[in-house]
Structures are given as C-alpha cells and as structure tokens.
Amino acid sequence: LAQTVLKVYDILGNEVSTLVNKELSSGFYEYEFDASSLPSGIYFYKLTAGKFNSLKKMILMK
C-alpha cells in the first residue's frame, strides 16, 4: 500500500480540489472530477503515489 494523493490546482497554484487522499494498493482506479463550480481555464493535477510524482496540465472548457 502507498499513500496516494490526487489534487487539482488553478493557474495560480491554489488548490481547488482533493480527489484522493488515502492508501491504495497497486492497480487501476477511476475518479470523477466535478468542475461545475469552476470557471473555464487552465488547471493542473498532481498525482503522488509513494515515491512517484506526476504533474499534468488540463484545460477546462464549458
């Protein structure tokens, strides 16, 4: 098991949502992100699982 955290940030680096923050075993997982309260724009999501870190950009268009 590894502590897994998946967070979404706005363009200024402010955290807007935490989708996952728990210990998970290896495998495939799927989570829904409800962005209905957020304006269109560029956001970043960061996944941390154990020693693994990944930061990606996403564009929200309404």
N, C-alpha and C. Protein backbone atom coordinates (compact mmCIF):
# COMPACT_ATOMS: atom_id res chain seq x y z
N LEU A 1 0.83 -1.19 0.00
CA LEU A 1 0.00 0.00 0.00
C LEU A 1 0.88 1.25 0.00
N ALA A 2 0.42 2.26 -0.74
CA ALA A 2 1.16 3.51 -0.81
C ALA A 2 0.20 4.67 -0.61
N GLN A 3 0.63 5.67 0.14
CA GLN A 3 -0.18 6.87 0.31
C GLN A 3 -0.33 7.52 -1.05
N THR A 4 -1.57 7.72 -1.49
CA THR A 4 -1.86 8.27 -2.80
C THR A 4 -2.65 9.57 -2.65
N VAL A 5 -2.19 10.60 -3.34
CA VAL A 5 -2.86 11.90 -3.28
C VAL A 5 -3.03 12.41 -4.71
N LEU A 6 -4.25 12.84 -5.03
CA LEU A 6 -4.56 13.43 -6.33
C LEU A 6 -5.26 14.76 -6.07
N LYS A 7 -4.59 15.85 -6.44
CA LYS A 7 -5.11 17.19 -6.19
C LYS A 7 -5.17 17.99 -7.48
N VAL A 8 -6.10 18.95 -7.53
CA VAL A 8 -6.25 19.85 -8.68
C VAL A 8 -5.95 21.26 -8.21
N TYR A 9 -5.17 21.98 -9.05
CA TYR A 9 -4.76 23.36 -8.73
C TYR A 9 -5.15 24.29 -9.87
N ASP A 10 -5.43 25.55 -9.54
CA ASP A 10 -5.70 26.54 -10.59
C ASP A 10 -4.38 27.08 -11.12
N ILE A 11 -4.47 27.99 -12.07
CA ILE A 11 -3.27 28.53 -12.73
C ILE A 11 -2.35 29.28 -11.78
N LEU A 12 -2.89 29.78 -10.66
CA LEU A 12 -2.09 30.50 -9.67
C LEU A 12 -1.48 29.58 -8.63
N GLY A 13 -1.79 28.28 -8.72
CA GLY A 13 -1.23 27.32 -7.78
C GLY A 13 -2.09 27.09 -6.55
N ASN A 14 -3.30 27.64 -6.54
CA ASN A 14 -4.21 27.43 -5.41
C ASN A 14 -4.90 26.08 -5.57
N GLU A 15 -4.96 25.32 -4.49
CA GLU A 15 -5.63 24.02 -4.54
C GLU A 15 -7.14 24.23 -4.65
N VAL A 16 -7.77 23.61 -5.65
CA VAL A 16 -9.21 23.75 -5.83
C VAL A 16 -9.97 22.49 -5.49
N SER A 17 -9.28 21.33 -5.46
CA SER A 17 -9.96 20.08 -5.13
C SER A 17 -8.95 19.00 -4.76
N THR A 18 -9.34 18.15 -3.81
CA THR A 18 -8.58 16.95 -3.49
C THR A 18 -9.48 15.77 -3.83
N LEU A 19 -9.09 15.00 -4.84
CA LEU A 19 -9.90 13.88 -5.30
C LEU A 19 -9.59 12.60 -4.53
N VAL A 20 -8.33 12.40 -4.16
CA VAL A 20 -7.91 11.19 -3.45
C VAL A 20 -6.87 11.59 -2.41
N ASN A 21 -7.01 11.00 -1.22
CA ASN A 21 -6.00 11.18 -0.18
C ASN A 21 -6.11 9.98 0.76
N LYS A 22 -5.60 8.82 0.30
CA LYS A 22 -5.66 7.60 1.10
C LYS A 22 -4.65 6.59 0.60
N GLU A 23 -4.48 5.53 1.36
CA GLU A 23 -3.57 4.46 0.95
C GLU A 23 -4.29 3.55 -0.03
N LEU A 24 -3.63 3.30 -1.16
CA LEU A 24 -4.18 2.43 -2.19
C LEU A 24 -3.14 1.40 -2.60
N SER A 25 -3.60 0.22 -2.95
CA SER A 25 -2.69 -0.80 -3.47
C SER A 25 -2.51 -0.57 -4.97
N SER A 26 -1.56 -1.25 -5.56
CA SER A 26 -1.32 -1.12 -6.99
C SER A 26 -2.55 -1.52 -7.77
N GLY A 27 -2.77 -0.86 -8.90
CA GLY A 27 -3.91 -1.20 -9.72
C GLY A 27 -4.41 0.01 -10.50
N PHE A 28 -5.57 -0.14 -11.10
CA PHE A 28 -6.18 0.92 -11.89
C PHE A 28 -7.37 1.49 -11.11
N TYR A 29 -7.45 2.81 -11.09
CA TYR A 29 -8.52 3.50 -10.38
C TYR A 29 -9.08 4.59 -11.27
N GLU A 30 -10.34 4.92 -11.04
CA GLU A 30 -11.01 5.95 -11.82
C GLU A 30 -11.80 6.83 -10.87
N TYR A 31 -11.63 8.15 -11.01
CA TYR A 31 -12.33 9.11 -10.16
C TYR A 31 -12.96 10.18 -11.03
N GLU A 32 -14.11 10.68 -10.61
CA GLU A 32 -14.77 11.75 -11.32
C GLU A 32 -14.43 13.08 -10.67
N PHE A 33 -14.21 14.09 -11.51
CA PHE A 33 -13.88 15.43 -11.05
C PHE A 33 -15.06 16.33 -11.39
N ASP A 34 -15.77 16.82 -10.38
CA ASP A 34 -16.91 17.70 -10.59
C ASP A 34 -16.40 19.14 -10.64
N ALA A 35 -16.29 19.67 -11.85
CA ALA A 35 -15.77 21.03 -12.05
C ALA A 35 -16.89 22.02 -12.32
N SER A 36 -18.12 21.67 -11.94
CA SER A 36 -19.27 22.54 -12.24
C SER A 36 -19.17 23.91 -11.57
N SER A 37 -18.46 24.00 -10.46
CA SER A 37 -18.34 25.28 -9.76
C SER A 37 -17.11 26.09 -10.18
N LEU A 38 -16.33 25.56 -11.11
CA LEU A 38 -15.10 26.24 -11.54
C LEU A 38 -15.29 26.90 -12.90
N PRO A 39 -14.64 28.04 -13.11
CA PRO A 39 -14.71 28.68 -14.42
C PRO A 39 -13.80 27.97 -15.43
N SER A 40 -14.06 28.20 -16.70
CA SER A 40 -13.18 27.68 -17.75
C SER A 40 -11.77 28.22 -17.54
N GLY A 41 -10.78 27.43 -17.92
CA GLY A 41 -9.40 27.88 -17.78
C GLY A 41 -8.43 26.72 -17.75
N ILE A 42 -7.20 27.04 -17.38
CA ILE A 42 -6.13 26.05 -17.30
C ILE A 42 -5.97 25.63 -15.85
N TYR A 43 -5.93 24.33 -15.64
CA TYR A 43 -5.75 23.76 -14.31
C TYR A 43 -4.64 22.73 -14.38
N PHE A 44 -4.11 22.37 -13.23
CA PHE A 44 -3.07 21.35 -13.12
C PHE A 44 -3.54 20.29 -12.15
N TYR A 45 -3.19 19.04 -12.42
CA TYR A 45 -3.47 17.98 -11.44
C TYR A 45 -2.16 17.29 -11.10
N LYS A 46 -2.01 17.00 -9.82
CA LYS A 46 -0.78 16.37 -9.33
C LYS A 46 -1.14 15.06 -8.66
N LEU A 47 -0.48 14.00 -9.12
CA LEU A 47 -0.66 12.67 -8.56
C LEU A 47 0.63 12.28 -7.84
N THR A 48 0.50 11.92 -6.57
CA THR A 48 1.62 11.43 -5.78
C THR A 48 1.23 10.07 -5.23
N ALA A 49 2.04 9.06 -5.52
CA ALA A 49 1.80 7.71 -5.02
C ALA A 49 3.13 7.13 -4.58
N GLY A 50 3.34 7.07 -3.29
CA GLY A 50 4.64 6.61 -2.78
C GLY A 50 5.72 7.59 -3.22
N LYS A 51 6.73 7.11 -3.95
CA LYS A 51 7.81 7.96 -4.43
C LYS A 51 7.53 8.55 -5.81
N PHE A 52 6.41 8.16 -6.41
CA PHE A 52 6.05 8.63 -7.76
C PHE A 52 5.32 9.96 -7.67
N ASN A 53 5.73 10.93 -8.51
CA ASN A 53 5.07 12.24 -8.62
C ASN A 53 4.85 12.55 -10.09
N SER A 54 3.66 13.08 -10.40
CA SER A 54 3.35 13.49 -11.77
C SER A 54 2.47 14.72 -11.73
N LEU A 55 2.83 15.72 -12.52
CA LEU A 55 2.07 16.96 -12.62
C LEU A 55 1.71 17.16 -14.10
N LYS A 56 0.42 17.30 -14.36
CA LYS A 56 -0.07 17.47 -15.75
C LYS A 56 -0.99 18.67 -15.84
N LYS A 57 -1.09 19.21 -17.05
CA LYS A 57 -1.96 20.35 -17.31
C LYS A 57 -3.25 19.87 -17.94
N MET A 58 -4.35 20.53 -17.61
CA MET A 58 -5.61 20.25 -18.28
C MET A 58 -6.35 21.56 -18.55
N ILE A 59 -7.16 21.55 -19.59
CA ILE A 59 -7.94 22.71 -19.96
C ILE A 59 -9.41 22.40 -19.72
N LEU A 60 -10.06 23.26 -18.94
CA LEU A 60 -11.48 23.11 -18.67
C LEU A 60 -12.24 24.08 -19.55
N MET A 61 -13.09 23.53 -20.41
CA MET A 61 -13.89 24.36 -21.31
C MET A 61 -15.36 24.08 -21.04
N LYS A 62 -16.11 25.14 -20.84
CA LYS A 62 -17.56 24.99 -20.58
C LYS A 62 -18.35 25.55 -21.72
